[in-house]
């Protein structure tokens, strides 16, 4: 990695993008759980959320691939905790929640790094073993693949990674969208602008505690579910 690329990822202000991702995710789920009459509008807003999460994780892993183990220590337990809540709000048990998608993407980066350090068929077999699991998760195989793709792009040039967030996010939306790539799903392209603004505008926002997002995911789904039931 070039020094300039290293510096830019170290100085990148991803915190505003994280806040935007959390808020837009909550808006999306509000439409799906509480206000189906607003589904198209809230769904369009929510299309930027996953690309932002995947891009932030991917770019950080492109800078330091060894972070993968740290991410997995948080993602895997919260993915397990979130699955019953995910089912409670209307999904099937065989559908994997978004935490599982992110964990699969991070695992792919981990395996690719191990293959780079010590080429062995075992790491390739591990990658193939992830495919059937990713197929049944939110955003599917293309969604999970966005994290290693962002890591590879970001390792070479972080600015390119910022611009790639939207196009890759729109591609990831092919899987859950039907019909694929409607105008609503193309709203994912806006995630590039969010990432670029987050880094360049240098807006100071409160830093989220390490476990904040992970806990927020099942908590806000539960809150919306009970709000819909009793309010």
Protein backbone atom coordinates (compact mmCIF):
# COMPACT_ATOMS: atom_id res chain seq x y z
CA UNK A 1 0.00 0.00 0.00
CA UNK A 2 1.35 3.44 -0.87
CA UNK A 3 2.02 5.95 1.93
CA UNK A 4 -0.61 8.32 0.61
CA UNK A 5 -3.23 5.57 0.59
CA UNK A 6 -2.24 4.55 4.13
CA UNK A 7 -2.53 8.14 5.38
CA UNK A 8 -5.94 8.70 3.83
CA UNK A 9 -7.48 5.64 5.44
CA UNK A 10 -6.04 6.53 8.82
CA UNK A 11 -7.50 10.02 8.63
CA UNK A 12 -10.83 9.00 7.09
CA UNK A 13 -13.73 10.25 9.15
CA UNK A 14 -16.11 7.32 8.90
CA UNK A 15 -18.12 8.29 12.00
CA UNK A 16 -20.66 10.51 10.12
CA UNK A 17 -21.18 7.73 7.56
CA UNK A 18 -21.82 5.30 10.42
CA UNK A 19 -24.49 7.57 11.86
CA UNK A 20 -26.13 7.96 8.45
CA UNK A 21 -26.11 4.17 8.03
CA UNK A 22 -27.77 3.61 11.40
CA UNK A 23 -30.46 6.26 10.85
CA UNK A 24 -31.28 5.13 7.29
CA UNK A 25 -31.44 1.50 8.42
CA UNK A 26 -33.93 2.44 11.14
CA UNK A 27 -36.03 4.42 8.62
CA UNK A 28 -36.07 1.42 6.27
CA UNK A 29 -37.20 -0.93 9.03
CA UNK A 30 -39.83 1.54 10.22
CA UNK A 31 -41.48 1.32 6.81
CA UNK A 32 -41.26 -2.46 6.69
CA UNK A 33 -42.56 -3.10 10.22
CA UNK A 34 -44.73 -0.13 11.23
CA UNK A 35 -45.77 1.83 8.13
CA UNK A 36 -46.06 -0.39 5.03
CA UNK A 37 -47.93 2.41 3.28
CA UNK A 38 -44.62 4.31 3.25
CA UNK A 39 -42.64 1.29 2.08
CA UNK A 40 -41.28 2.71 -1.18
CA UNK A 41 -40.11 5.96 0.41
CA UNK A 42 -38.52 4.36 3.47
CA UNK A 43 -37.05 1.53 1.40
CA UNK A 44 -35.34 4.05 -0.89
CA UNK A 45 -33.82 5.83 2.12
CA UNK A 46 -32.66 2.52 3.55
CA UNK A 47 -30.82 1.47 0.40
CA UNK A 48 -27.73 3.42 1.43
CA UNK A 49 -27.39 1.69 4.82
CA UNK A 50 -25.87 -1.66 3.87
CA UNK A 51 -23.36 -0.22 1.36
CA UNK A 52 -22.14 2.17 4.06
CA UNK A 53 -21.65 -0.57 6.64
CA UNK A 54 -19.94 -2.85 4.12
CA UNK A 55 -17.70 -0.04 2.82
CA UNK A 56 -16.58 1.09 6.26
CA UNK A 57 -15.70 -2.44 7.32
CA UNK A 58 -14.11 -3.27 3.97
CA UNK A 59 -11.93 -0.17 3.81
CA UNK A 60 -10.71 -0.69 7.35
CA UNK A 61 -9.87 -4.31 6.55
CA UNK A 62 -8.07 -3.18 3.41
CA UNK A 63 -5.86 -1.05 5.65
CA UNK A 64 -5.41 -3.74 8.32
CA UNK A 65 -6.66 -7.23 7.33
CA UNK A 66 -5.83 -8.57 10.79
CA UNK A 67 -8.79 -6.58 12.12
CA UNK A 68 -10.96 -9.38 10.72
CA UNK A 69 -10.61 -11.49 13.86
CA UNK A 70 -11.64 -8.52 16.04
CA UNK A 71 -14.71 -7.86 13.89
CA UNK A 72 -15.76 -11.50 14.03
CA UNK A 73 -15.56 -11.57 17.83
CA UNK A 74 -18.31 -8.94 17.86
CA UNK A 75 -20.29 -9.85 14.75
CA UNK A 76 -20.79 -13.56 15.42
CA UNK A 77 -22.31 -13.28 18.95
CA UNK A 78 -24.59 -10.40 17.91
CA UNK A 79 -25.61 -12.28 14.75
CA UNK A 80 -26.76 -15.17 16.96
CA UNK A 81 -28.60 -12.82 19.35
CA UNK A 82 -30.25 -10.99 16.43
CA UNK A 83 -31.58 -14.04 14.57
CA UNK A 84 -34.60 -14.73 16.85
CA UNK A 85 -35.48 -11.03 16.70
CA UNK A 86 -35.13 -11.12 12.91
CA UNK A 87 -37.61 -14.00 12.82
CA UNK A 88 -39.94 -12.22 15.27
CA UNK A 89 -40.34 -9.28 12.88
CA UNK A 90 -41.41 -11.53 10.04
CA UNK A 91 -38.48 -13.39 8.49
CA UNK A 92 -37.95 -17.16 8.31
CA UNK A 93 -35.39 -19.02 10.39
CA UNK A 94 -33.45 -19.98 7.26
CA UNK A 95 -33.04 -16.29 6.36
CA UNK A 96 -29.82 -14.89 7.78
CA UNK A 97 -29.87 -11.42 9.30
CA UNK A 98 -27.54 -8.64 8.17
CA UNK A 99 -25.01 -9.40 10.91
CA UNK A 100 -24.49 -12.83 9.37
CA UNK A 101 -23.95 -11.25 5.95
CA UNK A 102 -21.31 -8.91 7.40
CA UNK A 103 -19.66 -11.78 9.29
CA UNK A 104 -19.43 -13.84 6.09
CA UNK A 105 -17.82 -10.92 4.26
CA UNK A 106 -15.29 -10.41 7.04
CA UNK A 107 -14.55 -14.16 7.12
CA UNK A 108 -13.85 -14.02 3.38
CA UNK A 109 -11.26 -11.28 3.99
CA UNK A 110 -9.74 -13.40 6.78
CA UNK A 111 -9.46 -16.45 4.49
CA UNK A 112 -8.05 -14.43 1.59
CA UNK A 113 -5.39 -12.96 3.87
CA UNK A 114 -4.46 -16.45 5.11
CA UNK A 115 -4.22 -17.63 1.50
CA UNK A 116 -1.98 -14.68 0.65
CA UNK A 117 0.33 -15.50 3.57
CA UNK A 118 0.33 -19.26 3.03
CA UNK A 119 -1.31 -20.51 -0.20
CA UNK A 120 -3.25 -23.66 0.58
CA UNK A 121 -6.39 -25.31 -0.84
CA UNK A 122 -7.92 -25.26 2.65
CA UNK A 123 -8.43 -21.49 2.48
CA UNK A 124 -10.05 -21.77 -0.97
CA UNK A 125 -12.35 -24.54 0.28
CA UNK A 126 -13.29 -22.28 3.19
CA UNK A 127 -14.32 -19.55 0.75
CA UNK A 128 -16.51 -21.95 -1.22
CA UNK A 129 -18.07 -23.20 2.01
CA UNK A 130 -19.30 -19.64 2.70
CA UNK A 131 -21.33 -19.48 -0.53
CA UNK A 132 -24.36 -21.60 0.48
CA UNK A 133 -24.63 -19.74 3.79
CA UNK A 134 -24.39 -16.33 2.13
CA UNK A 135 -27.10 -17.33 -0.36
CA UNK A 136 -29.75 -17.32 2.38
CA UNK A 137 -28.63 -14.09 4.08
CA UNK A 138 -29.72 -10.49 3.65
CA UNK A 139 -28.20 -9.16 0.37
CA UNK A 140 -26.98 -12.67 -0.47
CA UNK A 141 -23.65 -13.60 -1.97
CA UNK A 142 -23.18 -10.23 -3.71
CA UNK A 143 -23.74 -8.41 -0.43
CA UNK A 144 -21.21 -10.52 1.45
CA UNK A 145 -18.74 -10.18 -1.44
CA UNK A 146 -18.88 -6.40 -1.18
CA UNK A 147 -16.68 -6.44 1.95
CA UNK A 148 -13.68 -8.28 0.42
CA UNK A 149 -14.17 -6.24 -2.77
CA UNK A 150 -13.97 -2.98 -0.80
CA UNK A 151 -10.95 -4.31 1.11
CA UNK A 152 -9.13 -5.07 -2.14
CA UNK A 153 -10.01 -1.70 -3.68
CA UNK A 154 -9.21 0.25 -0.50
CA UNK A 155 -5.84 -1.47 -0.08
CA UNK A 156 -4.81 0.11 -3.37
CA UNK A 157 -6.59 3.45 -3.24
CA UNK A 158 -8.99 4.61 -0.55
CA UNK A 159 -10.47 7.39 -2.69
CA UNK A 160 -11.44 4.85 -5.33
CA UNK A 161 -13.03 2.83 -2.56
CA UNK A 162 -15.17 5.79 -1.51
CA UNK A 163 -16.48 6.21 -5.05
CA UNK A 164 -17.00 2.45 -5.46
CA UNK A 165 -19.35 2.26 -2.46
CA UNK A 166 -22.48 3.27 -4.38
CA UNK A 167 -22.01 1.15 -7.52
CA UNK A 168 -21.11 -1.95 -5.49
CA UNK A 169 -24.01 -1.24 -3.14
CA UNK A 170 -26.41 -1.01 -6.10
CA UNK A 171 -25.14 -4.36 -7.38
CA UNK A 172 -25.65 -5.88 -3.93
CA UNK A 173 -29.26 -4.70 -4.08
CA UNK A 174 -29.91 -6.98 -7.06
CA UNK A 175 -30.45 -9.94 -4.73
CA UNK A 176 -33.19 -8.66 -2.37
CA UNK A 177 -34.87 -6.48 -4.98
CA UNK A 178 -37.68 -7.68 -7.20
CA UNK A 179 -37.77 -6.61 -9.92
CA UNK A 180 -34.01 -6.07 -9.72
CA UNK A 181 -32.53 -2.58 -9.79
CA UNK A 182 -35.67 -0.49 -9.80
CA UNK A 183 -35.31 3.26 -9.23
CA UNK A 184 -35.78 2.63 -5.50
CA UNK A 185 -32.80 0.31 -5.32
CA UNK A 186 -30.65 2.67 -7.36
CA UNK A 187 -30.84 5.01 -4.37
CA UNK A 188 -27.91 2.91 -3.11
CA UNK A 189 -25.72 4.95 -5.45
CA UNK A 190 -26.07 7.82 -2.99
CA UNK A 191 -23.90 5.96 -0.49
CA UNK A 192 -20.80 7.04 -2.44
CA UNK A 193 -21.67 10.69 -1.79
CA UNK A 194 -22.21 9.95 1.91
CA UNK A 195 -18.79 8.28 2.20
CA UNK A 196 -17.01 11.10 0.34
CA UNK A 197 -18.74 13.80 2.41
CA UNK A 198 -18.03 11.90 5.62
CA UNK A 199 -14.31 11.87 4.90
CA UNK A 200 -13.89 15.31 3.33
CA UNK A 201 -16.15 17.54 5.40
CA UNK A 202 -14.52 16.55 8.69
CA UNK A 203 -17.77 16.87 10.67
CA UNK A 204 -17.26 16.03 14.33
CA UNK A 205 -19.92 13.68 15.68
CA UNK A 206 -19.96 11.64 18.91
CA UNK A 207 -17.96 8.47 18.47
CA UNK A 208 -20.09 5.37 18.79
CA UNK A 209 -18.99 2.92 21.52
CA UNK A 210 -17.56 -0.34 20.19
CA UNK A 211 -20.71 -2.41 20.75
CA UNK A 212 -23.26 0.34 19.97
CA UNK A 213 -24.20 -0.67 16.44
CA UNK A 214 -24.24 -4.36 17.23
CA UNK A 215 -26.67 -3.85 20.10
CA UNK A 216 -28.72 -1.28 18.21
CA UNK A 217 -29.59 -3.73 15.44
CA UNK A 218 -31.71 -6.21 17.46
CA UNK A 219 -32.83 -3.48 19.92
CA UNK A 220 -34.38 -1.24 17.27
CA UNK A 221 -36.08 -4.21 15.58
CA UNK A 222 -37.62 -5.19 18.90
CA UNK A 223 -38.67 -1.61 19.61
CA UNK A 224 -40.37 -1.26 16.21
CA UNK A 225 -42.08 -4.63 16.61
CA UNK A 226 -43.61 -3.78 19.98
CA UNK A 227 -44.45 -0.25 18.85
CA UNK A 228 -46.41 -1.76 15.96
CA UNK A 229 -48.21 -4.15 18.30
CA UNK A 230 -49.21 -1.78 21.08
CA UNK A 231 -49.21 1.80 19.76
